Amino acid sequence: MDFVQNFPFFSIILSLFSGPFSAILEKKWAKRVNYFILFVIGAMSAMVFAYTLETRQAYVYIMGHFPAPWGNEIRFGILEAFMATFFCVIMLLCMVGGERERALEVEDTKQNLYYIMVNLLLCSLLALIYTNDLFTAYVFVEINTISACGLIMIRQNGRTIEAATRYMIMSLLGSGLLLLGICFLYSITGHLLMSNIQVAVHGLMASGLYQRPLMVAICLMAVGLAIKSALFPFHTWLPDAYGYSTVSSAAILSSLVSKGYIFLLVKIFYRVIGSDIIFNSKVIHILFIFGIAGMIMGSIDAIRENDIRRMIAYSSVAQIGYIYMGFGLGTTEGVIASIYHVLSHAATKSLLFITAAGLTDCTNGKRNIHEINGAGYRNKLAGVAFTVGALSMVGVPMFSGFISKLLFSKAAVGHTIKMLPTLIALAISTILNALYFMKTVIRIYSPIKDENAGEEYTCVKFYEQPLKSVAYILFIVLNVVMGLNSEPIIDCIRRGLEIFS
């Protein structure tokens, strides 16, 4: 076995034990350890990605050298390694981009706790990406939930405590449904290892046994993960959770946490049940309907919202709808479009949250869209970066969001029933996206109203916070690269799915 094949296991263990280690360090050293861990794990994930690209194979790492059912397995291929690398990059940029606000909003005595939660969150995301065991996935789903809840309520004010409570209630509901689905699946197959379950499921389908319990298990797991990833109408916890938590928390939650659950759902579809069974079931029709509803209703809620942070949060509801709509098409091209949109949304939504904080800093903390006039002039780099993110979300060419919508359109063309609803929903959603994002961009570049003429605004210059400026620039570059050079990424997703199961 090549040494690089140990890196996925090393990544999970390193992030797991770096959390408690941060508890004994001073604030600044805990931050440095967190940044260092993110960089090291990102580098190891990139090496695994390069290795799998070269070999074009998937590998199984048996933990403890005990085979199933006594031992546990990690499985990684092109898609898993690419997602792990991408998640590490986004999380590092989110942490760097929200550093100033985090220092102001989180008490000094709780800074270490914050980095513990971030490290545990990274550990759970990596485990969801790499694990080949369904019950292990559930365990890390719970770790992910607890860590995310801690990141929301770390500010300790009424809004965040209420938001964390709502998040915990909805997440536990989703976790409970997921666990019930796993129990049903275990009772009819006798396995928890994903590859073994798939063999047993195909045997059951061929024999005609346990068809209804199998469909019930699929529905329970799909609905449970849909609740946890905030698919409409299970999104009510999302605006407060993203809108009132710290900037880095909101960026990480919107760009990564929900995507970890979605990636687990992809693994269940392809590696646990089998894509052929899923695509021929009625589950995808339900996901398609709720995905389209989320695309429209999330955008309508965003238009009604005047708080810039909550507006961006409601936009996430619409973007999650895009992803589930792609799954609902029931084709490989639809899944590829959805996975690409996972990447696009992660890169763009985190950019919008951290730049929105930079803009509100220049309006004396005002977050109402009607009160941020001229913020784009006072913080030029934040204004440009927010505009790039807004254009990407609308789907303007040259940016990653355009490629996502193009892929969804191509996946829908030729579908006998779902082509017309998909194209209509994409058109309506794009128009609605333009309404609330372009309205905000126009506001930040509009002159200050007369009644505010006497008010002085202070703004931290970009050269006074170089790390935040670097995060802005790298996010912009990432969006443009994904918009102009998308073919290698799409090719990686396609090849990854081919060896996924």
Protein backbone atom coordinates (compact mmCIF):
# COMPACT_ATOMS: atom_id res chain seq x y z
CA MET A 1 0.00 0.00 0.00
CA ASP A 2 1.33 3.43 -0.94
CA PHE A 3 1.84 5.79 2.00
CA VAL A 4 -0.50 8.41 0.51
CA GLN A 5 -3.40 5.99 1.00
CA ASN A 6 -3.11 6.64 4.76
CA PHE A 7 -3.79 10.36 4.36
CA PRO A 8 -7.62 10.24 4.57
CA PHE A 9 -7.38 8.44 7.92
CA PHE A 10 -4.64 10.82 9.10
CA SER A 11 -6.82 13.80 8.12
CA ILE A 12 -9.78 12.63 10.21
CA ILE A 13 -7.64 11.78 13.25
CA LEU A 14 -5.61 14.99 13.03
CA SER A 15 -8.70 17.20 12.94
CA LEU A 16 -10.35 15.15 15.70
CA PHE A 17 -7.50 15.47 18.19
CA SER A 18 -6.59 19.06 17.30
CA GLY A 19 -9.91 20.18 18.84
CA PRO A 20 -9.17 19.17 22.46
CA PHE A 21 -5.56 20.30 21.99
CA SER A 22 -6.80 23.82 21.20
CA ALA A 23 -8.50 23.93 24.61
CA ILE A 24 -5.18 24.21 26.45
CA LEU A 25 -3.71 26.90 24.20
CA GLU A 26 -3.97 30.66 24.33
CA LYS A 27 -6.37 32.36 21.92
CA LYS A 28 -3.78 33.33 19.33
CA TRP A 29 -2.10 29.93 19.39
CA ALA A 30 -5.43 28.13 19.08
CA LYS A 31 -6.10 30.20 15.97
CA ARG A 32 -2.69 29.41 14.53
CA VAL A 33 -3.13 25.70 15.19
CA ASN A 34 -6.52 25.80 13.46
CA TYR A 35 -5.08 27.52 10.39
CA PHE A 36 -2.13 25.12 10.34
CA ILE A 37 -4.39 22.06 10.62
CA LEU A 38 -6.60 23.31 7.79
CA PHE A 39 -3.56 23.91 5.60
CA VAL A 40 -1.97 20.52 6.36
CA ILE A 41 -5.19 18.56 5.84
CA GLY A 42 -5.89 20.51 2.65
CA ALA A 43 -2.39 19.64 1.41
CA MET A 44 -2.84 15.94 2.26
CA SER A 45 -6.24 15.91 0.56
CA ALA A 46 -4.69 17.50 -2.53
CA MET A 47 -2.04 14.75 -2.60
CA VAL A 48 -4.76 12.09 -2.36
CA PHE A 49 -6.63 13.85 -5.17
CA ALA A 50 -3.54 13.89 -7.39
CA TYR A 51 -2.90 10.22 -6.56
CA THR A 52 -6.44 9.11 -7.46
CA LEU A 53 -6.37 11.20 -10.64
CA GLU A 54 -3.21 9.40 -11.70
CA THR A 55 -4.39 5.89 -10.84
CA ARG A 56 -8.10 6.44 -11.67
CA GLN A 57 -9.09 3.94 -9.01
CA ALA A 58 -10.92 3.92 -5.68
CA TYR A 59 -9.18 2.58 -2.58
CA VAL A 60 -10.40 1.02 0.65
CA TYR A 61 -8.56 1.64 3.92
CA ILE A 62 -9.42 -0.93 6.59
CA MET A 63 -9.17 0.73 10.00
CA GLY A 64 -7.59 -1.51 12.61
CA HIS A 65 -6.97 -4.16 9.93
CA PHE A 66 -10.19 -5.94 10.87
CA PRO A 67 -12.49 -6.65 7.91
CA ALA A 68 -16.23 -6.02 8.00
CA PRO A 69 -18.45 -6.57 9.87
CA TRP A 70 -16.05 -6.23 12.84
CA GLY A 71 -13.93 -3.44 11.45
CA ASN A 72 -14.57 -0.09 9.77
CA GLU A 73 -13.58 1.16 6.36
CA ILE A 74 -12.62 4.37 4.63
CA ARG A 75 -13.13 4.51 0.88
CA PHE A 76 -11.77 7.25 -1.35
CA GLY A 77 -11.60 7.97 -5.03
CA ILE A 78 -11.41 11.02 -7.27
CA LEU A 79 -14.66 12.60 -6.10
CA GLU A 80 -14.06 12.12 -2.37
CA ALA A 81 -10.51 13.49 -2.52
CA PHE A 82 -11.60 16.47 -4.61
CA MET A 83 -14.44 17.33 -2.22
CA ALA A 84 -12.16 17.05 0.81
CA THR A 85 -9.60 19.38 -0.77
CA PHE A 86 -12.27 21.88 -1.80
CA PHE A 87 -13.89 21.86 1.65
CA CYS A 88 -10.55 22.54 3.35
CA VAL A 89 -9.83 25.49 1.05
CA ILE A 90 -13.27 27.02 1.60
CA MET A 91 -13.13 26.56 5.37
CA LEU A 92 -9.68 28.15 5.58
CA LEU A 93 -10.81 31.16 3.54
CA CYS A 94 -13.97 31.47 5.69
CA MET A 95 -11.91 31.49 8.87
CA VAL A 96 -9.44 34.03 7.51
CA GLY A 97 -12.16 36.22 6.00
CA GLY A 98 -14.15 36.39 9.25
CA GLU A 99 -11.19 36.80 11.60
CA ARG A 100 -11.79 40.43 12.54
CA GLU A 101 -15.53 40.02 13.23
CA ARG A 102 -14.87 36.81 15.15
CA ALA A 103 -12.46 38.61 17.46
CA LEU A 104 -15.07 41.32 18.13
CA GLU A 105 -18.15 39.10 18.50
CA VAL A 106 -16.77 36.12 20.45
CA GLU A 107 -15.65 36.59 24.04
CA ASP A 108 -11.96 36.04 24.70
CA THR A 109 -12.75 33.23 27.12
CA LYS A 110 -14.66 31.40 24.38
CA GLN A 111 -12.23 31.80 21.51
CA ASN A 112 -10.67 28.40 22.23
CA LEU A 113 -14.11 26.81 22.30
CA TYR A 114 -14.79 28.25 18.86
CA TYR A 115 -11.73 26.58 17.36
CA ILE A 116 -12.63 23.29 19.05
CA MET A 117 -16.01 23.40 17.30
CA VAL A 118 -14.41 24.26 13.94
CA ASN A 119 -11.93 21.39 14.20
CA LEU A 120 -14.67 18.92 15.16
CA LEU A 121 -16.80 20.23 12.29
CA LEU A 122 -13.92 19.64 9.87
CA CYS A 123 -13.44 16.14 11.29
CA SER A 124 -17.12 15.29 10.80
CA LEU A 125 -17.17 16.63 7.23
CA LEU A 126 -14.10 14.58 6.31
CA ALA A 127 -15.64 11.49 7.88
CA LEU A 128 -18.88 11.99 5.92
CA ILE A 129 -16.83 12.26 2.74
CA TYR A 130 -14.57 9.26 3.35
CA THR A 131 -16.48 6.72 5.46
CA ASN A 132 -17.72 3.51 3.89
CA ASP A 133 -19.88 2.57 6.89
CA LEU A 134 -23.44 3.84 7.21
CA PHE A 135 -23.62 3.86 11.02
CA THR A 136 -20.26 5.65 11.27
CA ALA A 137 -21.72 8.25 8.93
CA TYR A 138 -24.64 8.70 11.33
CA VAL A 139 -22.28 9.16 14.29
CA PHE A 140 -20.42 11.93 12.49
CA VAL A 141 -23.70 13.49 11.36
CA GLU A 142 -24.42 14.00 15.07
CA ILE A 143 -20.94 15.40 15.70
CA ASN A 144 -21.50 17.75 12.79
CA THR A 145 -24.84 18.86 14.25
CA ILE A 146 -23.46 19.57 17.72
CA SER A 147 -20.44 21.44 16.34
CA ALA A 148 -22.60 23.57 14.04
CA CYS A 149 -24.97 24.36 16.90
CA GLY A 150 -22.01 25.51 19.00
CA LEU A 151 -20.81 27.80 16.20
CA ILE A 152 -24.27 29.40 16.02
CA MET A 153 -24.72 30.11 19.73
CA ILE A 154 -21.12 31.11 20.51
CA ARG A 155 -22.14 34.80 20.54
CA GLN A 156 -24.51 34.15 23.46
CA ASN A 157 -27.27 36.65 22.76
CA GLY A 158 -31.01 36.09 22.53
CA ARG A 159 -31.10 35.84 18.76
CA THR A 160 -28.35 33.23 18.46
CA ILE A 161 -29.66 31.11 21.34
CA GLU A 162 -33.11 31.03 19.74
CA ALA A 163 -31.58 30.24 16.34
CA ALA A 164 -29.43 27.46 17.82
CA THR A 165 -32.48 25.97 19.55
CA ARG A 166 -34.45 25.92 16.29
CA TYR A 167 -31.48 24.45 14.47
CA MET A 168 -31.04 21.71 17.06
CA ILE A 169 -34.74 20.77 17.04
CA MET A 170 -34.91 20.49 13.24
CA SER A 171 -31.54 18.75 13.02
CA LEU A 172 -32.51 16.17 15.62
CA LEU A 173 -35.70 15.51 13.69
CA GLY A 174 -33.67 14.93 10.55
CA SER A 175 -31.15 12.78 12.42
CA GLY A 176 -33.94 10.68 13.88
CA LEU A 177 -35.42 9.98 10.46
CA LEU A 178 -31.97 9.14 9.11
CA LEU A 179 -31.36 6.70 11.98
CA LEU A 180 -34.76 5.05 11.43
CA GLY A 181 -33.90 4.60 7.75
CA ILE A 182 -30.55 3.04 8.64
CA CYS A 183 -32.27 0.70 11.12
CA PHE A 184 -34.80 -0.38 8.48
CA LEU A 185 -31.99 -0.98 6.00
CA TYR A 186 -29.94 -2.96 8.52
CA SER A 187 -32.94 -5.09 9.49
CA ILE A 188 -33.56 -6.23 5.91
CA THR A 189 -29.94 -6.53 4.72
CA GLY A 190 -27.96 -7.37 7.87
CA HIS A 191 -25.13 -5.01 6.87
CA LEU A 192 -23.86 -1.54 7.70
CA LEU A 193 -20.96 -1.41 5.27
CA MET A 194 -22.08 0.53 2.20
CA SER A 195 -20.71 -1.86 -0.41
CA ASN A 196 -22.22 -4.89 1.35
CA ILE A 197 -25.60 -3.16 1.64
CA GLN A 198 -25.62 -2.46 -2.09
CA VAL A 199 -25.03 -6.14 -2.92
CA ALA A 200 -27.83 -7.15 -0.55
CA VAL A 201 -30.22 -4.49 -1.92
CA HIS A 202 -29.70 -5.65 -5.51
CA GLY A 203 -30.36 -9.19 -4.38
CA LEU A 204 -33.62 -8.11 -2.74
CA MET A 205 -34.71 -6.24 -5.86
CA ALA A 206 -33.99 -9.27 -8.02
CA SER A 207 -35.95 -11.57 -5.70
CA GLY A 208 -38.82 -9.14 -5.10
CA LEU A 209 -38.51 -9.39 -1.30
CA TYR A 210 -38.92 -6.50 1.18
CA GLN A 211 -39.77 -3.95 -1.53
CA ARG A 212 -41.90 -1.71 0.69
CA PRO A 213 -39.54 -1.69 3.69
CA LEU A 214 -36.70 -0.83 1.30
CA MET A 215 -38.62 2.12 -0.16
CA VAL A 216 -39.54 3.27 3.36
CA ALA A 217 -35.85 3.20 4.33
CA ILE A 218 -34.88 5.21 1.25
CA CYS A 219 -37.59 7.80 1.93
CA LEU A 220 -36.66 8.15 5.61
CA MET A 221 -32.98 8.71 4.84
CA ALA A 222 -33.71 11.12 1.99
CA VAL A 223 -36.18 13.19 4.03
CA GLY A 224 -33.90 13.19 7.07
CA LEU A 225 -30.96 14.56 5.10
CA ALA A 226 -33.25 17.01 3.26
CA ILE A 227 -34.35 18.45 6.62
CA LYS A 228 -30.76 18.77 7.79
CA SER A 229 -29.68 20.49 4.57
CA ALA A 230 -32.62 22.97 4.73
CA LEU A 231 -34.62 21.89 1.69
CA PHE A 232 -37.91 23.81 1.43
CA PRO A 233 -40.18 23.63 3.45
CA PHE A 234 -37.79 22.48 6.21
CA HIS A 235 -35.78 25.70 6.06
CA THR A 236 -37.38 27.79 8.81
CA TRP A 237 -34.34 27.51 11.08
CA LEU A 238 -31.92 28.73 8.42
CA PRO A 239 -32.36 32.56 8.21
CA ASP A 240 -31.76 33.15 11.93
CA ALA A 241 -28.95 30.60 12.13
CA TYR A 242 -27.05 32.20 9.25
CA GLY A 243 -28.19 35.76 9.84
CA TYR A 244 -27.21 36.24 13.49
CA SER A 245 -24.19 33.98 13.99
CA THR A 246 -20.64 35.22 13.52
CA VAL A 247 -19.55 35.88 9.95
CA SER A 248 -17.18 32.93 9.71
CA SER A 249 -19.85 30.66 11.25
CA ALA A 250 -22.47 31.80 8.72
CA ALA A 251 -20.03 31.31 5.85
CA ILE A 252 -19.04 27.81 6.99
CA LEU A 253 -22.60 26.74 7.78
CA SER A 254 -24.00 27.89 4.44
CA SER A 255 -21.14 26.68 2.27
CA LEU A 256 -20.05 23.42 3.91
CA VAL A 257 -22.31 21.96 6.59
CA SER A 258 -25.39 21.48 4.43
CA LYS A 259 -23.14 20.25 1.60
CA GLY A 260 -21.74 17.50 3.83
CA TYR A 261 -25.27 16.12 4.27
CA ILE A 262 -25.92 16.41 0.54
CA PHE A 263 -22.73 14.53 -0.26
CA LEU A 264 -23.80 11.78 2.15
CA LEU A 265 -27.10 11.59 0.27
CA VAL A 266 -25.19 11.14 -2.99
CA LYS A 267 -23.24 8.28 -1.38
CA ILE A 268 -26.51 6.66 -0.26
CA PHE A 269 -27.93 6.99 -3.77
CA TYR A 270 -24.88 5.59 -5.56
CA ARG A 271 -23.00 3.41 -3.07
CA VAL A 272 -25.67 2.15 -0.65
CA ILE A 273 -28.81 1.68 -2.76
CA GLY A 274 -27.56 1.97 -6.32
CA SER A 275 -28.25 4.74 -8.82
CA ASP A 276 -30.36 2.48 -11.06
CA ILE A 277 -32.76 1.68 -8.21
CA ILE A 278 -32.95 5.30 -7.07
CA PHE A 279 -33.54 6.69 -10.56
CA ASN A 280 -36.38 4.21 -11.12
CA SER A 281 -38.05 4.96 -7.79
CA LYS A 282 -40.60 7.67 -7.02
CA VAL A 283 -38.37 9.27 -4.39
CA ILE A 284 -36.65 11.44 -6.97
CA HIS A 285 -40.01 12.85 -8.10
CA ILE A 286 -40.63 14.15 -4.57
CA LEU A 287 -37.15 15.67 -4.43
CA PHE A 288 -37.76 17.30 -7.82
CA ILE A 289 -41.03 18.92 -6.70
CA PHE A 290 -39.64 20.26 -3.43
CA GLY A 291 -36.44 21.36 -5.17
CA ILE A 292 -38.37 23.53 -7.64
CA ALA A 293 -40.55 24.87 -4.81
CA GLY A 294 -37.41 25.81 -2.89
CA MET A 295 -35.92 27.58 -5.93
CA ILE A 296 -38.96 29.85 -6.18
CA MET A 297 -40.01 30.32 -2.56
CA GLY A 298 -36.49 30.88 -1.29
CA SER A 299 -36.02 33.66 -3.83
CA ILE A 300 -39.39 35.23 -2.97
CA ASP A 301 -38.46 35.28 0.74
CA ALA A 302 -35.11 36.86 -0.15
CA ILE A 303 -36.86 39.63 -2.09
CA ARG A 304 -39.03 40.42 0.95
CA GLU A 305 -36.04 40.58 3.31
CA ASN A 306 -34.33 43.92 4.08
CA ASP A 307 -31.53 42.60 6.31
CA ILE A 308 -28.60 41.86 4.00
CA ARG A 309 -27.38 38.85 6.00
CA ARG A 310 -30.84 37.28 6.18
CA MET A 311 -31.37 38.00 2.48
CA ILE A 312 -28.23 36.01 1.67
CA ALA A 313 -29.47 33.26 4.00
CA TYR A 314 -32.81 33.00 2.20
CA SER A 315 -30.88 32.81 -1.05
CA SER A 316 -29.30 29.62 0.27
CA VAL A 317 -32.77 28.06 0.45
CA ALA A 318 -33.18 28.70 -3.27
CA GLN A 319 -29.73 27.29 -4.07
CA ILE A 320 -30.38 24.13 -2.05
CA GLY A 321 -33.53 23.80 -4.17
CA TYR A 322 -31.36 23.83 -7.31
CA ILE A 323 -29.32 20.91 -5.98
CA TYR A 324 -32.33 18.75 -5.12
CA MET A 325 -33.99 19.64 -8.41
CA GLY A 326 -30.91 18.23 -10.18
CA PHE A 327 -31.16 15.02 -8.17
CA GLY A 328 -34.85 14.86 -9.03
CA LEU A 329 -34.12 14.76 -12.76
CA GLY A 330 -33.07 11.17 -12.19
CA THR A 331 -30.11 11.22 -14.58
CA THR A 332 -26.35 11.15 -14.20
CA GLU A 333 -26.15 14.56 -15.90
CA GLY A 334 -28.52 15.98 -13.29
CA VAL A 335 -26.38 14.62 -10.45
CA ILE A 336 -23.24 16.08 -12.07
CA ALA A 337 -24.97 19.47 -12.30
CA SER A 338 -26.01 19.23 -8.64
CA ILE A 339 -22.51 18.33 -7.45
CA TYR A 340 -21.03 21.17 -9.48
CA HIS A 341 -23.58 23.50 -7.90
CA VAL A 342 -22.50 22.27 -4.47
CA LEU A 343 -19.01 23.55 -5.31
CA SER A 344 -20.25 26.76 -6.92
CA HIS A 345 -22.56 27.61 -4.04
CA ALA A 346 -19.86 26.86 -1.46
CA ALA A 347 -17.41 29.20 -3.18
CA THR A 348 -19.96 31.96 -3.77
CA LYS A 349 -22.14 32.01 -0.66
CA SER A 350 -19.16 32.13 1.71
CA LEU A 351 -17.82 35.06 -0.34
CA LEU A 352 -21.16 36.89 -0.01
CA PHE A 353 -21.31 36.47 3.77
CA ILE A 354 -17.80 37.72 4.51
CA THR A 355 -18.07 40.63 2.05
CA ALA A 356 -21.47 41.59 3.45
CA ALA A 357 -19.75 41.96 6.82
CA GLY A 358 -17.12 44.18 5.22
CA LEU A 359 -19.86 46.39 3.73
CA THR A 360 -21.85 46.70 6.95
CA ASP A 361 -18.65 47.64 8.80
CA CYS A 362 -18.58 50.72 6.58
CA THR A 363 -22.14 51.70 7.54
CA ASN A 364 -21.58 51.69 11.31
CA GLY A 365 -22.97 48.16 11.59
CA LYS A 366 -26.25 48.88 9.78
CA ARG A 367 -27.51 45.79 7.97
CA ASN A 368 -30.68 47.15 6.39
CA ILE A 369 -30.31 47.18 2.61
CA HIS A 370 -31.84 50.67 2.49
CA GLU A 371 -29.07 52.02 4.76
CA ILE A 372 -25.93 50.71 3.08
CA ASN A 373 -25.73 53.31 0.33
CA GLY A 374 -22.18 54.04 -0.76
CA ALA A 375 -20.62 51.12 1.14
CA GLY A 376 -19.06 49.84 -2.08
CA TYR A 377 -17.11 53.10 -2.40
CA ARG A 378 -15.93 53.12 1.21
CA ASN A 379 -14.74 49.51 1.06
CA LYS A 380 -13.87 49.07 -2.60
CA LEU A 381 -12.52 45.52 -2.39
CA ALA A 382 -15.55 44.26 -0.45
CA GLY A 383 -17.84 45.99 -2.95
CA VAL A 384 -16.14 44.36 -5.94
CA ALA A 385 -16.09 40.95 -4.24
CA PHE A 386 -19.78 41.18 -3.26
CA THR A 387 -20.65 42.16 -6.84
CA VAL A 388 -18.76 39.13 -8.17
CA GLY A 389 -20.67 36.86 -5.77
CA ALA A 390 -24.00 38.47 -6.71
CA LEU A 391 -23.32 38.09 -10.45
CA SER A 392 -22.38 34.46 -9.90
CA MET A 393 -25.61 33.76 -8.01
CA VAL A 394 -27.65 35.41 -10.77
CA GLY A 395 -25.88 33.28 -13.39
CA VAL A 396 -23.94 35.86 -15.38
CA PRO A 397 -21.35 34.33 -17.78
CA MET A 398 -17.70 34.21 -16.64
CA PHE A 399 -18.71 33.14 -13.11
CA SER A 400 -19.35 29.73 -11.56
CA GLY A 401 -23.10 30.19 -11.13
CA PHE A 402 -23.57 30.48 -14.90
CA ILE A 403 -21.99 27.06 -15.42
CA SER A 404 -24.29 25.55 -12.80
CA LYS A 405 -27.42 26.82 -14.50
CA LEU A 406 -26.09 25.80 -17.90
CA LEU A 407 -25.49 22.25 -16.62
CA PHE A 408 -28.98 22.07 -15.13
CA SER A 409 -30.48 23.21 -18.44
CA LYS A 410 -28.48 20.68 -20.44
CA ALA A 411 -29.45 17.91 -18.00
CA ALA A 412 -33.15 18.77 -18.39
CA VAL A 413 -33.16 18.98 -22.19
CA GLY A 414 -34.59 15.81 -23.66
CA HIS A 415 -36.37 14.72 -20.51
CA THR A 416 -39.90 13.80 -21.53
CA ILE A 417 -41.75 15.12 -18.46
CA LYS A 418 -39.40 17.28 -16.42
CA MET A 419 -37.73 19.38 -19.13
CA LEU A 420 -40.36 22.13 -19.32
CA PRO A 421 -40.85 22.56 -15.52
CA THR A 422 -37.07 22.66 -15.03
CA LEU A 423 -36.43 25.29 -17.70
CA ILE A 424 -39.34 27.44 -16.51
CA ALA A 425 -38.20 27.21 -12.88
CA LEU A 426 -34.63 28.11 -13.89
CA ALA A 427 -35.87 31.16 -15.80
CA ILE A 428 -38.15 32.37 -12.99
CA SER A 429 -35.53 31.76 -10.33
CA THR A 430 -32.87 33.61 -12.32
CA ILE A 431 -35.13 36.64 -12.68
CA LEU A 432 -35.90 36.59 -8.96
CA ASN A 433 -32.20 36.22 -8.12
CA ALA A 434 -31.45 39.27 -10.23
CA LEU A 435 -34.13 41.29 -8.43
CA TYR A 436 -32.72 40.98 -4.93
CA PHE A 437 -29.01 40.68 -5.69
CA MET A 438 -28.86 43.49 -8.25
CA LYS A 439 -30.98 45.67 -5.97
CA THR A 440 -28.33 45.23 -3.29
CA VAL A 441 -25.43 45.90 -5.69
CA ILE A 442 -27.13 49.09 -6.87
CA ARG A 443 -27.59 50.16 -3.25
CA ILE A 444 -23.95 49.77 -2.26
CA TYR A 445 -22.94 51.94 -5.22
CA SER A 446 -25.69 54.57 -4.79
CA PRO A 447 -24.99 58.01 -3.28
CA ILE A 448 -25.70 58.50 0.41
CA LYS A 449 -29.12 60.00 1.12
CA ASP A 450 -29.28 63.60 2.35
CA GLU A 451 -30.63 62.68 5.78
CA ASN A 452 -27.47 60.66 6.39
CA ALA A 453 -25.13 63.34 5.08
CA GLY A 454 -24.11 64.42 8.54
CA GLU A 455 -23.30 60.93 9.72
CA GLU A 456 -19.65 59.92 9.60
CA TYR A 457 -18.76 56.41 8.56
CA THR A 458 -15.57 54.68 9.59
CA CYS A 459 -14.12 51.89 7.51
CA VAL A 460 -11.11 49.65 7.99
CA LYS A 461 -8.86 49.95 4.94
CA PHE A 462 -8.01 46.83 2.99
CA TYR A 463 -4.29 47.19 3.73
CA GLU A 464 -5.07 47.26 7.46
CA GLN A 465 -6.50 43.72 7.28
CA PRO A 466 -4.34 41.97 4.66
CA LEU A 467 -5.54 38.42 5.42
CA LYS A 468 -9.18 39.37 4.87
CA SER A 469 -8.23 41.09 1.61
CA VAL A 470 -6.37 37.97 0.48
CA ALA A 471 -9.49 35.89 1.26
CA TYR A 472 -11.63 38.26 -0.84
CA ILE A 473 -9.23 38.04 -3.78
CA LEU A 474 -8.91 34.25 -3.63
CA PHE A 475 -12.68 33.84 -3.52
CA ILE A 476 -12.99 36.08 -6.59
CA VAL A 477 -10.30 34.10 -8.40
CA LEU A 478 -11.99 30.82 -7.48
CA ASN A 479 -15.33 32.00 -8.86
CA VAL A 480 -13.80 33.22 -12.11
CA VAL A 481 -11.71 30.06 -12.57
CA MET A 482 -14.79 27.88 -12.04
CA GLY A 483 -16.67 30.03 -14.52
CA LEU A 484 -14.03 30.12 -17.25
CA ASN A 485 -12.35 26.73 -16.82
CA SER A 486 -15.13 24.43 -15.68
CA GLU A 487 -14.41 21.46 -17.95
CA PRO A 488 -11.64 19.91 -15.77
CA ILE A 489 -13.91 20.14 -12.71
CA ILE A 490 -16.86 18.60 -14.54
CA ASP A 491 -14.57 15.87 -15.86
CA CYS A 492 -13.38 15.09 -12.32
CA ILE A 493 -16.98 14.86 -11.10
CA ARG A 494 -17.93 12.60 -14.00
CA ARG A 495 -14.95 10.27 -13.55
CA GLY A 496 -15.48 10.30 -9.79
CA LEU A 497 -19.10 9.17 -10.17
CA GLU A 498 -18.06 6.40 -12.57
CA ILE A 499 -15.94 4.75 -9.86
CA PHE A 500 -18.09 5.99 -6.96
CA SER A 501 -20.07 2.79 -6.50
